[in-house]
C-alpha atoms as a PDB file:
ATOM      1  CA  MET A   1      -8.195  18.163  13.793  1.00  0.00           C
ATOM      2  CA  GLU A   2      -9.333  19.727  10.746  1.00  0.00           C
ATOM      3  CA  TYR A   3      -9.013  17.701   7.292  1.00  0.00           C
ATOM      4  CA  ILE A   4      -8.349  14.538   9.550  1.00  0.00           C
ATOM      5  CA  GLU A   5     -11.479  12.969   7.574  1.00  0.00           C
ATOM      6  CA  TYR A   6      -9.077  12.877   4.439  1.00  0.00           C
ATOM      7  CA  THR A   7      -6.603  11.068   6.247  1.00  0.00           C
ATOM      8  CA  ALA A   8      -9.323   8.729   7.406  1.00  0.00           C
ATOM      9  CA  ILE A   9     -10.731   8.095   3.328  1.00  0.00           C
ATOM     10  CA  VAL A  10      -6.930   7.605   2.151  1.00  0.00           C
ATOM     11  CA  THR A  11      -6.362   4.929   4.774  1.00  0.00           C
ATOM     12  CA  LEU A  12      -9.807   3.376   4.356  1.00  0.00           C
ATOM     13  CA  LEU A  13      -9.318   3.192   0.297  1.00  0.00           C
ATOM     14  CA  ALA A  14      -5.546   1.458   0.896  1.00  0.00           C
ATOM     15  CA  LEU A  15      -7.130  -0.802   3.511  1.00  0.00           C
ATOM     16  CA  MET A  16     -10.434  -1.868   0.584  1.00  0.00           C
ATOM     17  CA  GLN A  17      -7.672  -2.060  -1.948  1.00  0.00           C
ATOM     18  CA  PHE A  18      -5.598  -4.826   0.419  1.00  0.00           C
ATOM     19  CA  MET A  19      -8.959  -6.512   0.814  1.00  0.00           C
ATOM     20  CA  LEU A  20      -9.776  -6.658  -2.857  1.00  0.00           C
ATOM     21  CA  PHE A  21      -6.486  -8.533  -3.766  1.00  0.00           C
ATOM     22  CA  SER A  22      -6.922 -10.852  -1.086  1.00  0.00           C
ATOM     23  CA  ILE A  23     -10.114 -11.365  -2.391  1.00  0.00           C
ATOM     24  CA  GLN A  24      -8.403 -11.565  -5.854  1.00  0.00           C
ATOM     25  CA  VAL A  25      -5.275 -14.321  -4.546  1.00  0.00           C
ATOM     26  CA  GLY A  26      -9.008 -16.530  -3.294  1.00  0.00           C
ATOM     27  CA  SER A  27     -10.061 -16.040  -6.836  1.00  0.00           C
ATOM     28  CA  MET A  28      -7.200 -17.366  -8.076  1.00  0.00           C
ATOM     29  CA  ARG A  29      -7.072 -19.935  -5.852  1.00  0.00           C
ATOM     30  CA  ILE A  30     -10.491 -21.562  -7.142  1.00  0.00           C
ATOM     31  CA  LYS A  31      -9.731 -20.637 -11.133  1.00  0.00           C
ATOM     32  CA  HIS A  32      -6.255 -22.558 -10.438  1.00  0.00           C
ATOM     33  CA  GLY A  33      -6.925 -24.877  -7.859  1.00  0.00           C
ATOM     34  CA  VAL A  34      -4.501 -24.237  -5.290  1.00  0.00           C
ATOM     35  CA  LYS A  35      -5.879 -25.879  -2.195  1.00  0.00           C
ATOM     36  CA  ALA A  36      -4.975 -24.051   1.044  1.00  0.00           C
ATOM     37  CA  PRO A  37      -2.562 -23.601   3.003  1.00  0.00           C
ATOM     38  CA  ALA A  38      -0.546 -23.882  -0.301  1.00  0.00           C
ATOM     39  CA  THR A  39       1.203 -20.625  -1.358  1.00  0.00           C
ATOM     40  CA  THR A  40       2.345 -22.049  -4.498  1.00  0.00           C
ATOM     41  CA  GLY A  41       0.805 -23.291  -7.549  1.00  0.00           C
ATOM     42  CA  HIS A  42      -0.147 -21.595 -11.017  1.00  0.00           C
ATOM     43  CA  PRO A  43       2.067 -18.892 -11.854  1.00  0.00           C
ATOM     44  CA  GLU A  44      -1.080 -16.820 -12.076  1.00  0.00           C
ATOM     45  CA  PHE A  45      -2.101 -17.250  -8.495  1.00  0.00           C
ATOM     46  CA  ASP A  46       1.524 -16.888  -7.057  1.00  0.00           C
ATOM     47  CA  ARG A  47       1.949 -13.205  -8.808  1.00  0.00           C
ATOM     48  CA  MET A  48      -1.361 -12.231  -7.432  1.00  0.00           C
ATOM     49  CA  PHE A  49      -0.055 -14.084  -3.852  1.00  0.00           C
ATOM     50  CA  ARG A  50       2.886 -11.513  -3.981  1.00  0.00           C
ATOM     51  CA  VAL A  51       1.123  -8.645  -5.163  1.00  0.00           C
ATOM     52  CA  GLN A  52      -1.284  -9.773  -2.031  1.00  0.00           C
ATOM     53  CA  GLN A  53       1.557 -10.172   0.361  1.00  0.00           C
ATOM     54  CA  ASN A  54       4.016  -6.808  -0.846  1.00  0.00           C
ATOM     55  CA  THR A  55       0.915  -5.090  -0.220  1.00  0.00           C
ATOM     56  CA  MET A  56       0.817  -5.935   3.360  1.00  0.00           C
ATOM     57  CA  GLU A  57       4.550  -5.433   4.321  1.00  0.00           C
ATOM     58  CA  GLN A  58       4.277  -2.156   2.825  1.00  0.00           C
ATOM     59  CA  LEU A  59       0.744  -0.876   4.833  1.00  0.00           C
ATOM     60  CA  ILE A  60       2.920  -1.908   8.052  1.00  0.00           C
ATOM     61  CA  VAL A  61       4.798   1.011   7.349  1.00  0.00           C
ATOM     62  CA  PHE A  62       2.578   3.521   5.627  1.00  0.00           C
ATOM     63  CA  VAL A  63      -0.553   3.600   7.306  1.00  0.00           C
ATOM     64  CA  PRO A  64       1.478   4.812  10.937  1.00  0.00           C
ATOM     65  CA  ALA A  65       3.254   6.498   8.802  1.00  0.00           C
ATOM     66  CA  LEU A  66       0.472   8.344   7.393  1.00  0.00           C
ATOM     67  CA  TRP A  67      -1.038   9.541  10.418  1.00  0.00           C
ATOM     68  CA  ILE A  68       1.765  10.319  12.027  1.00  0.00           C
ATOM     69  CA  TYR A  69       2.698  12.347   9.539  1.00  0.00           C
ATOM     70  CA  ALA A  70      -1.521  13.920  10.006  1.00  0.00           C
ATOM     71  CA  HIS A  71      -1.101  14.511  13.400  1.00  0.00           C
ATOM     72  CA  LEU A  72       2.220  16.441  13.310  1.00  0.00           C
ATOM     73  CA  VAL A  73       2.116  18.170   9.767  1.00  0.00           C
ATOM     74  CA  ASN A  74      -1.126  18.361   7.970  1.00  0.00           C
ATOM     75  CA  PRO A  75      -3.693  16.119   7.566  1.00  0.00           C
ATOM     76  CA  LEU A  76      -5.086  17.471   4.169  1.00  0.00           C
ATOM     77  CA  TRP A  77      -1.432  17.152   2.563  1.00  0.00           C
ATOM     78  CA  GLY A  78      -0.997  13.698   4.105  1.00  0.00           C
ATOM     79  CA  ALA A  79      -4.175  12.048   2.787  1.00  0.00           C
ATOM     80  CA  GLY A  80      -2.686  13.740  -0.799  1.00  0.00           C
ATOM     81  CA  ILE A  81       0.721  11.909  -0.409  1.00  0.00           C
ATOM     82  CA  GLY A  82      -1.095   9.140   0.473  1.00  0.00           C
ATOM     83  CA  ILE A  83      -3.278   8.833  -2.525  1.00  0.00           C
ATOM     84  CA  PHE A  84       0.300   7.754  -4.525  1.00  0.00           C
ATOM     85  CA  PHE A  85       0.748   4.717  -2.488  1.00  0.00           C
ATOM     86  CA  VAL A  86      -2.954   3.498  -3.349  1.00  0.00           C
ATOM     87  CA  ILE A  87      -2.182   4.293  -6.950  1.00  0.00           C
ATOM     88  CA  GLY A  88       0.998   2.919  -7.092  1.00  0.00           C
ATOM     89  CA  ARG A  89      -0.006  -0.388  -5.809  1.00  0.00           C
ATOM     90  CA  PHE A  90      -2.939  -0.365  -8.481  1.00  0.00           C
ATOM     91  CA  VAL A  91       0.188   0.133 -11.416  1.00  0.00           C
ATOM     92  CA  TYR A  92       2.210  -2.467  -8.857  1.00  0.00           C
ATOM     93  CA  ARG A  93      -0.187  -5.098  -9.194  1.00  0.00           C
ATOM     94  CA  ALA A  94      -0.934  -4.466 -12.710  1.00  0.00           C
ATOM     95  CA  ALA A  95       2.470  -5.015 -13.895  1.00  0.00           C
ATOM     96  CA  TYR A  96       3.433  -7.654 -11.445  1.00  0.00           C
ATOM     97  CA  LEU A  97       0.715  -9.890 -13.180  1.00  0.00           C
ATOM     98  CA  LYS A  98       1.816  -9.048 -16.482  1.00  0.00           C
ATOM     99  CA  ASP A  99       5.279  -9.526 -16.256  1.00  0.00           C
ATOM    100  CA  PRO A 100       6.916  -9.613 -12.604  1.00  0.00           C
ATOM    101  CA  ALA A 101      10.512  -7.833 -13.980  1.00  0.00           C
ATOM    102  CA  SER A 102       8.566  -4.719 -14.678  1.00  0.00           C
ATOM    103  CA  ARG A 103       6.969  -3.760 -11.516  1.00  0.00           C
ATOM    104  CA  SER A 104       9.329  -1.205 -10.564  1.00  0.00           C
ATOM    105  CA  ASN A 105       7.907   1.581 -11.127  1.00  0.00           C
ATOM    106  CA  GLY A 106       4.628   0.674  -9.310  1.00  0.00           C
ATOM    107  CA  PHE A 107       6.369   0.017  -6.442  1.00  0.00           C
ATOM    108  CA  THR A 108       8.720   3.132  -6.276  1.00  0.00           C
ATOM    109  CA  ILE A 109       5.393   4.946  -6.690  1.00  0.00           C
ATOM    110  CA  GLY A 110       4.159   3.830  -3.103  1.00  0.00           C
ATOM    111  CA  VAL A 111       7.551   3.309  -1.575  1.00  0.00           C
ATOM    112  CA  PHE A 112       8.243   7.353  -2.394  1.00  0.00           C
ATOM    113  CA  ALA A 113       4.913   8.225  -0.718  1.00  0.00           C
ATOM    114  CA  THR A 114       5.903   6.179   2.478  1.00  0.00           C
ATOM    115  CA  ALA A 115       9.228   7.772   2.286  1.00  0.00           C
ATOM    116  CA  VAL A 116       8.148  11.460   1.910  1.00  0.00           C
ATOM    117  CA  LEU A 117       5.335  10.519   5.145  1.00  0.00           C
ATOM    118  CA  LEU A 118       8.385   8.855   7.322  1.00  0.00           C
ATOM    119  CA  VAL A 119      11.085  11.813   6.331  1.00  0.00           C
ATOM    120  CA  TRP A 120       8.670  14.358   7.147  1.00  0.00           C
ATOM    121  CA  SER A 121       6.897  13.088  10.191  1.00  0.00           C
ATOM    122  CA  LEU A 122      10.508  13.027  11.876  1.00  0.00           C
ATOM    123  CA  VAL A 123      11.401  16.336  10.851  1.00  0.00           C
ATOM    124  CA  ALA A 124       8.327  17.721  12.318  1.00  0.00           C
ATOM    125  CA  ALA A 125       8.862  15.448  15.314  1.00  0.00           C
ATOM    126  CA  VAL A 126      12.486  16.581  16.034  1.00  0.00           C
ATOM    127  CA  MET A 127      11.823  20.446  15.229  1.00  0.00           C
ATOM    128  CA  SER A 128       8.851  20.114  17.877  1.00  0.00           C
ATOM    129  CA  LEU A 129      11.196  18.947  20.409  1.00  0.00           C
ATOM    130  CA  ILE A 130      13.814  21.830  19.736  1.00  0.00           C
END
């Protein structure tokens, strides 16, 4: 399939972003003395942990949606839409670490990108059956 490498690149970027967030959680554990298996402690650790956990929750929907879209619709367009998910997660992280109440813009960017992938994939799947 033409351009599937772009879909792979966006997927890898999203997974590397998640790994970065996971490493940052570990760093916050050390910085603030939050011993495993604790999942709460210092507020700075708590916020980074929630960013990482929320990103993991979003990846469960985003990755399959991206690949289904790439297969049924267009891998280049899917990658273009998918990069907004990655950008949205960085915006979400920055806002959440500063003030959790301000996280909605980053969250909205990522969820919107995923929603577009999901809806267009569903439409494409149904249209192929008609």
